[in-house]
Amino acid sequence: MTCIAYTYRTAGIHVWIGTTERILAIVSAYNEEESLEATIEELKQKAPSIDFVIINDGSTDGTRDICLA
């Protein structure tokens, strides 16, 4: 997804200023209590600029608690 911070036109030319790109990682988790924390930490270390969301699919272990922490 590209976000345009500011644009203007000069003599029919589009000039783009302040464009940024962001990446969203979607992490699905079902009963991943034992591995989820390590996965999140590794994601933060290897790709600190990436945003992420964890989708907890009705886990019956402690996955929900890790997601809420």
Protein backbone atom coordinates (compact mmCIF):
# COMPACT_ATOMS: atom_id res chain seq x y z
CA MET A 1 0.00 0.00 0.00
CA THR A 2 1.41 3.39 -0.93
CA CYS A 3 0.35 6.48 0.98
CA ILE A 4 0.73 9.84 -0.67
CA ALA A 5 1.59 12.55 1.82
CA TYR A 6 1.44 15.51 -0.57
CA THR A 7 0.97 16.07 -4.28
CA TYR A 8 0.93 19.08 -6.54
CA ARG A 9 0.92 19.80 -10.27
CA THR A 10 3.28 22.03 -12.20
CA ALA A 11 2.75 22.50 -15.95
CA GLY A 12 0.82 19.25 -16.19
CA ILE A 13 3.51 17.25 -14.36
CA HIS A 14 2.55 15.31 -11.26
CA VAL A 15 5.12 15.62 -8.49
CA TRP A 16 4.88 13.14 -5.64
CA ILE A 17 6.35 14.13 -2.29
CA GLY A 18 6.48 12.10 0.91
CA THR A 19 5.46 8.69 -0.35
CA THR A 20 5.85 5.82 2.08
CA GLU A 21 5.23 2.13 1.82
CA ARG A 22 4.04 -0.05 4.70
CA ILE A 23 3.75 -3.78 4.99
CA LEU A 24 1.27 -5.63 7.17
CA ALA A 25 2.04 -9.23 8.09
CA ILE A 26 -0.94 -11.40 9.02
CA VAL A 27 -0.03 -14.16 11.47
CA SER A 28 -2.63 -16.87 11.91
CA ALA A 29 -2.45 -18.76 15.19
CA TYR A 30 -4.31 -21.82 16.42
CA ASN A 31 -2.96 -23.38 19.61
CA GLU A 32 0.47 -21.80 19.08
CA GLU A 33 1.20 -21.06 22.74
CA GLU A 34 4.59 -22.78 22.57
CA SER A 35 5.86 -20.97 19.46
CA LEU A 36 3.99 -17.67 19.16
CA GLU A 37 6.22 -15.54 21.40
CA ALA A 38 9.37 -16.68 19.55
CA THR A 39 7.67 -16.02 16.21
CA ILE A 40 6.70 -12.49 17.23
CA GLU A 41 10.19 -11.72 18.56
CA GLU A 42 11.83 -13.02 15.40
CA LEU A 43 9.46 -10.96 13.26
CA LYS A 44 10.30 -7.83 15.27
CA GLN A 45 14.05 -8.48 14.98
CA LYS A 46 14.21 -9.36 11.30
CA ALA A 47 11.66 -6.85 10.04
CA PRO A 48 11.23 -4.07 12.62
CA SER A 49 9.37 -1.76 10.25
CA ILE A 50 6.64 -4.29 9.44
CA ASP A 51 3.32 -4.00 11.23
CA PHE A 52 1.62 -7.24 12.13
CA VAL A 53 -1.69 -8.55 13.31
CA ILE A 54 -2.26 -11.90 14.97
CA ILE A 55 -5.45 -13.77 14.14
CA ASN A 56 -6.32 -16.17 16.95
CA ASP A 57 -8.63 -18.80 15.52
CA GLY A 58 -10.34 -19.98 18.73
CA SER A 59 -7.29 -21.52 20.38
CA THR A 60 -7.88 -23.64 23.46
CA ASP A 61 -4.39 -23.14 24.92
CA GLY A 62 -2.73 -19.91 26.08
CA THR A 63 -2.46 -18.35 22.61
CA ARG A 64 -5.13 -15.77 23.43
CA ASP A 65 -3.22 -14.58 26.52
CA ILE A 66 -0.05 -14.09 24.44
CA CYS A 67 -2.02 -12.11 21.84
CA LEU A 68 -3.42 -9.83 24.53
CA ALA A 69 -0.04 -9.22 26.19
